[in-house]
Each structure stands twice: as structure tokens, then as C-alpha cells.
Amino acid sequence: MAKKTLAELLSMFNTIHDERRTHANTAERIGNAFLAILPYLGEYLRKDQPETLQYLLTLLQGAVIGNSGQITLNPDGSITCGSIYVEGSAVFEEMVINKQSVNEGDQIFSNRGIIEIVDQTSANQYRLTFRKEYENDRISFEENDCLKCKINNLDTEGTYFTSWFRVLSVDYENNTADVILYPDNEVPGGHNYAPIAGAVVARWGNPVETDRQQHFFLSSTDGIFAFLQNVTKPIINDEGSNVTAFIGLPNDVPAIERLVREGTLRRTDPILYAKTAVIENLITVKHDGSPDYIQREWDSWDGQKQYIRGYDSTEERYVQDNVWHGGSLWRCIVPLARIGVEPSLTNTDWACIRSGGLMLDIESTEGDWFNGDKNFTTILVAMVVHGDLIISDEDVESIVWTRESGNAAADEAWNINQAKKVQTMNLTVTYDLDHPELSDIPVGMPYGSKCGFRCTVRGDFSNVPITNIYDIT
């Protein structure tokens, strides 16, 4: 019997239903109608036993799967479920993460691969076969790559171990790489482990190819984020300038470890470590959160200018203006200094931080009182001071020492003789009883008398020489 369509079956049963003639609906006629249904009985899902459907099943209004009801196939094409476990790979055209994304462990932004098979070829050497996540997938590792993989032991303590190895050769056709383990003394922690199947491998660096020596590294375990360069081996340090930028406390960097031991840095404090930093706007604060002001110095005071101690919106930083005026350096100590009111000791908008007055200070290395019965030598040290700034010999034009002992003729002779000497800021004064002609102090001076030495300095001091006298008793 040929299989009738649903329309033909409906016509047969409607004819039997609508028949009004007596004895017209014979047993044969009704039986044929039911026999026509038999081909369809095996094509419907059973509710009382496991069933296998051989043809496409279309659920126009979706479906709910499982007793929990968490898996829902929606009419709009979406799927709602509690969790997804993928043994192989998952390919998404678009992924939207709601609320937040949390990464645990280490995240290395570099070349990667997943070990599928590990074959040991000799001592500390292995052939690694990498998983193909899609048909044309090929590993991107190259010869001499330094590779790292961290494996979770999946125990209740959350322990893990790290394996380090270097690529000897790559077979891209078979998606394999021959590698050799680094010795224990060349890896962090001092102990290396063999690779295992299922581990995710990342390129850490390369001792030969310079363009394969950098990567971003994020570790939630150690609490650090770094951009590393010049990485040639498992252990990084500051000797090869590996750490280009580091947020967190870098490991194995001697300079940082020394600061930690000295107490300058604490492991719990945030730290930015970088080889080079170019910052347009840097705002620093004190321990209480108040800003540190950048000292901004101006050559001369301008009566039309606004000087501040606060935030400069143009430079986008906190500044404190310092200005030279009247030979002194003044610092603004209010948010806005009064325009046109010049800095002075009576102006509360300003504080004088360097006095404009020049001063010549003279000191004796051995004191200023000596016994006339004994020979002695002392050095007179002269210093030109401008505020708290000491003027050196190179900044003056001439230095002249003269003697004032009360004997005009003898002082004039000493001055002429002294002028022939090399003029320096210091003067060695001797009292020589054995050779009076070499003595800088007249021999035989009465007790309690004084002999003064005057220093006169000329230079770029508004064309006014400065002078001072030092008395030796």
C-alpha cells in the first residue's frame, strides 16, 4: 500500500465520519483507513521509552531540556543555560560579557599553543605535539623560543608547577616542536619540570631573534602587570633591561630587592618600575592626599602677571611660583598673589627664600687667638655667600688680601709682596719667630694686639666689590 499523505488520510476519515447511509461504513472500509495510519506510527517521539529520531526535529516554540529547566532553546534562536563545558574548542562570532570578567592565574599576551602529546626523545628533550583548535591551525613558535607553561595540580591547596623549555626545531606540517628543558639553575625557583599533555604554552622570549623578546605579562597570583623586553631566558633582571614597564613588585630585579631590604619599598605597596617614562602631566600627593607643588621659577617679577600656589589649568598640574626681585628669590605662599604688589618682607603673599644681599665670610681654621711666643700657621677661608648660595673662585674676577697691623710701612711692604702671590679665596697665615722676614704677622707684637687681614672680592656683583676683615689676636 502506497503511503498516503496527511490530506488524503484526513479526506478518508471525514468521508467515514460524514457517511449517513445504513451499512455504508463497513469493517473493510474502516480497517483500510486505520491501516493507512500505520506508516506514520514509527515517526513520532515516544513518551514512555527512550527514542531516537532519524529526521530533523523542528520545535517552533523552543524547548526546555532537563528536570532543572535551566537549559532553554528559545524561539528567537538564543540558548539559556547555567554553564557550558567545552572539551575541545569554542568559536564565537561575537562574545558579550555581562557584569564582569575575572581571570585567575597568569595571563601572557604572546604566541601560544596547547600540548596534546608529549614524547620524550632523550634526556631532558621532548617532542611536543600541539592541539589543532581548527582544521588549518598551526603553531606559531619558532626555533630558539623560550617557552613557559604553568600547570595547576588541581588539588585543594591550589598548588601548581612551572615548566621552562627552549625550542630546538619546529615541524609546522605535523604541528610539533622538539624542545629541551632549561637546567634547574636557570629557572625561577631553582627547579624545572617536564611538560605534560593539556598544558597551555606561551612564548616568554628568544635569545636570538630580537623581535620575539617582548610580551605583556599579567599575573593575578603575584599581583603584577608588566611589559617585558629583551627577554632571552626564563629569569628576568635589570642587568639586561628586561623590565620596560612594571606595575607591581617585580621579582628577580636586584635594584628593587635592595630597596625592599632597606625598607624604602614595601611588598604591599603599589609600585611602577620602568626603564623610561615620558609623562606630560605628573601629579604627586603627600601621605595625607594633599598635592605636591612643582616649583616654577621666573627670572624677574612682572607687575601685570598673576602668580599662584595652586592648580594651573593650562599646564594641568599643581605649581608654586618663585620669582627673583630686588636680588632676592621670593616664593608665593597664597593661592593668588595680589597683582601689582611687589614681593617684600611686609607683603604676606610672599616669603623670601634666598636673600639678595652679598656677604663675604672669613673663618680661621685654627681659631683667632695665638701665643706670640710660639710659631703657628692658620688658613683664612673666605667665602662669598649670596643668600644660601656659595660663590666659587670661578665666579669672581679678582681677590685681593691686604694686611692691617697698625704699622703702615710694614703693611704696605706686605701688601706689595702678597700681590705677587697667586690670589685665591684662601690665605695661609704664618707666624715665624725664627724667620721674621717670612712671617705674615709682625714679630714682637705686644700681648693683646691685633693684626687684621682684609679680603676684597670683585666680580659680577652689580659692579660693587665686597670686602671683609678678619682679626687675629
Foldseek 3Di string as FASTA:
>chain_A
DDADDPVVLVVLVVCVVPDDDPCPCDPVSVVVSVVSCVVCPLQDDDDPDDDDHPDDDDDQQWDQDDPVSQWTQGNVRDTGHDDDDDPADDDDPDDDDPDDDDDAFKDWFAFKFAFADWAAPDVQKIKTATDDSDDQDWGPDAAQFWKKWKAFPPDPVRDIFMAIWGFHHADRVRRMTMIGGDQQVFAPPSDHDDDDGGIMMGGCAGQPDQVRHWIWMDGPVQHKTFTFHPHHGRADEPPRPGTAKMWAQDPPYVVSVVCCVVVVDPNPDIDIDHPDDDDQEDWDADPVRHTDAAEDEDEADDLQDKFAQAADPVSRYGHWYWYDYPQFIKTADHGIQDRRDDDDPPRPRIDTPFARDKDKDKDKPVHQEDDLVDKDKIKIAIWIDGGPDTDAPVQFDFKAKFKDQPPVVVRVVLRVVRVVDDDHRMDMAIDDPPDQVPHPHHRPDDPPGKMKMKMWTHGPSVRDIYMDIDIHD
